[in-house]
């Protein structure tokens, strides 16, 4: 497969990553190989993976992407412990 996928980050997404202390490396990892991609509202999709942030507690890292533009834009990023709420069982 060819190189890394191209994503732009909105100012909001960058601010939220800082505020929520979510490292860019984790976001890139989710974007490049998400455990799951689910439909969100509008043209947005959530790229998400279950990640241990180091406290022995698994969080769902959700990267919300606007897929209607090129390059795709990361709209926001957050982690949640409410995995069942967002995880889609196949």
C-alpha atoms as a PDB file:
ATOM      1  CA  UNK A   1       0.000   0.000   0.000  1.00  0.00           C
ATOM      2  CA  UNK A   2       1.202   3.495  -0.688  1.00  0.00           C
ATOM      3  CA  UNK A   3       2.568   5.674   2.109  1.00  0.00           C
ATOM      4  CA  UNK A   4       0.717   7.368   4.912  1.00  0.00           C
ATOM      5  CA  UNK A   5      -2.802   8.565   4.385  1.00  0.00           C
ATOM      6  CA  UNK A   6      -3.124  12.321   4.106  1.00  0.00           C
ATOM      7  CA  UNK A   7      -5.143  14.126   6.724  1.00  0.00           C
ATOM      8  CA  UNK A   8      -5.356  17.797   7.598  1.00  0.00           C
ATOM      9  CA  UNK A   9      -6.016  18.753  11.210  1.00  0.00           C
ATOM     10  CA  UNK A  10      -8.510  21.518  11.982  1.00  0.00           C
ATOM     11  CA  UNK A  11      -7.461  24.137  14.513  1.00  0.00           C
ATOM     12  CA  UNK A  12     -10.172  22.782  16.794  1.00  0.00           C
ATOM     13  CA  UNK A  13      -8.783  19.231  16.586  1.00  0.00           C
ATOM     14  CA  UNK A  14      -5.266  20.444  17.400  1.00  0.00           C
ATOM     15  CA  UNK A  15      -6.560  22.445  20.368  1.00  0.00           C
ATOM     16  CA  UNK A  16      -8.566  19.489  21.676  1.00  0.00           C
ATOM     17  CA  UNK A  17      -5.588  17.115  21.396  1.00  0.00           C
ATOM     18  CA  UNK A  18      -3.517  19.520  23.507  1.00  0.00           C
ATOM     19  CA  UNK A  19      -6.278  20.138  26.025  1.00  0.00           C
ATOM     20  CA  UNK A  20      -7.053  16.439  26.372  1.00  0.00           C
ATOM     21  CA  UNK A  21      -3.362  15.411  26.367  1.00  0.00           C
ATOM     22  CA  UNK A  22      -3.810  13.031  23.449  1.00  0.00           C
ATOM     23  CA  UNK A  23      -0.484  12.481  21.670  1.00  0.00           C
ATOM     24  CA  UNK A  24      -0.376  13.049  17.909  1.00  0.00           C
ATOM     25  CA  UNK A  25       1.363   9.674  17.506  1.00  0.00           C
ATOM     26  CA  UNK A  26      -1.723   7.884  18.862  1.00  0.00           C
ATOM     27  CA  UNK A  27      -4.028   9.877  16.605  1.00  0.00           C
ATOM     28  CA  UNK A  28      -1.850   9.063  13.585  1.00  0.00           C
ATOM     29  CA  UNK A  29      -1.876   5.384  14.541  1.00  0.00           C
ATOM     30  CA  UNK A  30      -5.681   5.370  14.685  1.00  0.00           C
ATOM     31  CA  UNK A  31      -5.951   7.205  11.370  1.00  0.00           C
ATOM     32  CA  UNK A  32      -3.550   4.843   9.644  1.00  0.00           C
ATOM     33  CA  UNK A  33      -5.005   1.615  11.010  1.00  0.00           C
ATOM     34  CA  UNK A  34      -8.220   2.072  12.972  1.00  0.00           C
ATOM     35  CA  UNK A  35      -9.764  -0.961  14.630  1.00  0.00           C
ATOM     36  CA  UNK A  36     -13.069   0.366  13.373  1.00  0.00           C
ATOM     37  CA  UNK A  37     -14.543   3.097  11.181  1.00  0.00           C
ATOM     38  CA  UNK A  38     -18.166   4.017  11.855  1.00  0.00           C
ATOM     39  CA  UNK A  39     -20.569   6.481  10.255  1.00  0.00           C
ATOM     40  CA  UNK A  40     -21.172   9.706  12.098  1.00  0.00           C
ATOM     41  CA  UNK A  41     -23.477  12.596  11.205  1.00  0.00           C
ATOM     42  CA  UNK A  42     -23.215  14.207   7.770  1.00  0.00           C
ATOM     43  CA  UNK A  43     -20.131  13.220   5.792  1.00  0.00           C
ATOM     44  CA  UNK A  44     -18.189  12.448   8.926  1.00  0.00           C
ATOM     45  CA  UNK A  45     -16.756   9.137  10.020  1.00  0.00           C
ATOM     46  CA  UNK A  46     -15.249   8.147  13.345  1.00  0.00           C
ATOM     47  CA  UNK A  47     -11.961   6.279  13.094  1.00  0.00           C
ATOM     48  CA  UNK A  48     -11.626   4.557  16.438  1.00  0.00           C
ATOM     49  CA  UNK A  49      -9.461   2.132  18.381  1.00  0.00           C
ATOM     50  CA  UNK A  50      -9.463   0.833  21.929  1.00  0.00           C
ATOM     51  CA  UNK A  51      -6.236   1.975  23.571  1.00  0.00           C
ATOM     52  CA  UNK A  52      -4.632   1.585  26.975  1.00  0.00           C
ATOM     53  CA  UNK A  53      -3.507   5.105  27.880  1.00  0.00           C
ATOM     54  CA  UNK A  54      -1.167   3.729  30.522  1.00  0.00           C
ATOM     55  CA  UNK A  55      -3.352   3.615  33.624  1.00  0.00           C
ATOM     56  CA  UNK A  56      -4.399   0.048  32.877  1.00  0.00           C
ATOM     57  CA  UNK A  57      -7.754   1.396  31.734  1.00  0.00           C
ATOM     58  CA  UNK A  58      -8.875   0.996  28.156  1.00  0.00           C
ATOM     59  CA  UNK A  59     -10.307   4.049  26.443  1.00  0.00           C
ATOM     60  CA  UNK A  60     -11.835   4.413  23.033  1.00  0.00           C
ATOM     61  CA  UNK A  61      -9.865   6.982  21.038  1.00  0.00           C
ATOM     62  CA  UNK A  62     -12.231   8.536  18.489  1.00  0.00           C
ATOM     63  CA  UNK A  63     -10.912  10.610  15.608  1.00  0.00           C
ATOM     64  CA  UNK A  64     -13.773  12.345  13.802  1.00  0.00           C
ATOM     65  CA  UNK A  65     -12.950  12.920  10.131  1.00  0.00           C
ATOM     66  CA  UNK A  66     -14.743  14.889   7.444  1.00  0.00           C
ATOM     67  CA  UNK A  67     -14.390  12.573   4.450  1.00  0.00           C
ATOM     68  CA  UNK A  68     -16.157  14.845   1.943  1.00  0.00           C
ATOM     69  CA  UNK A  69     -13.068  16.978   1.357  1.00  0.00           C
ATOM     70  CA  UNK A  70      -9.632  16.273  -0.034  1.00  0.00           C
ATOM     71  CA  UNK A  71      -7.425  15.966   1.901  1.00  0.00           C
ATOM     72  CA  UNK A  72      -9.706  14.620   4.601  1.00  0.00           C
ATOM     73  CA  UNK A  73      -9.968  16.836   7.667  1.00  0.00           C
ATOM     74  CA  UNK A  74      -9.748  15.711  11.278  1.00  0.00           C
ATOM     75  CA  UNK A  75     -12.566  17.681  12.903  1.00  0.00           C
ATOM     76  CA  UNK A  76     -12.032  16.648  16.510  1.00  0.00           C
ATOM     77  CA  UNK A  77     -10.352  14.030  18.673  1.00  0.00           C
ATOM     78  CA  UNK A  78     -11.387  12.639  22.033  1.00  0.00           C
ATOM     79  CA  UNK A  79     -11.134   9.611  24.235  1.00  0.00           C
ATOM     80  CA  UNK A  80     -14.021   8.082  26.115  1.00  0.00           C
ATOM     81  CA  UNK A  81     -14.448   5.297  28.632  1.00  0.00           C
ATOM     82  CA  UNK A  82     -17.980   4.696  27.278  1.00  0.00           C
ATOM     83  CA  UNK A  83     -16.761   2.151  24.761  1.00  0.00           C
ATOM     84  CA  UNK A  84     -20.091   0.313  24.530  1.00  0.00           C
ATOM     85  CA  UNK A  85     -21.836   3.526  23.513  1.00  0.00           C
ATOM     86  CA  UNK A  86     -19.763   3.917  20.348  1.00  0.00           C
ATOM     87  CA  UNK A  87     -18.384   0.489  19.513  1.00  0.00           C
ATOM     88  CA  UNK A  88     -20.280  -1.231  16.717  1.00  0.00           C
ATOM     89  CA  UNK A  89     -20.403  -4.968  17.091  1.00  0.00           C
ATOM     90  CA  UNK A  90     -20.136  -6.574  13.633  1.00  0.00           C
END
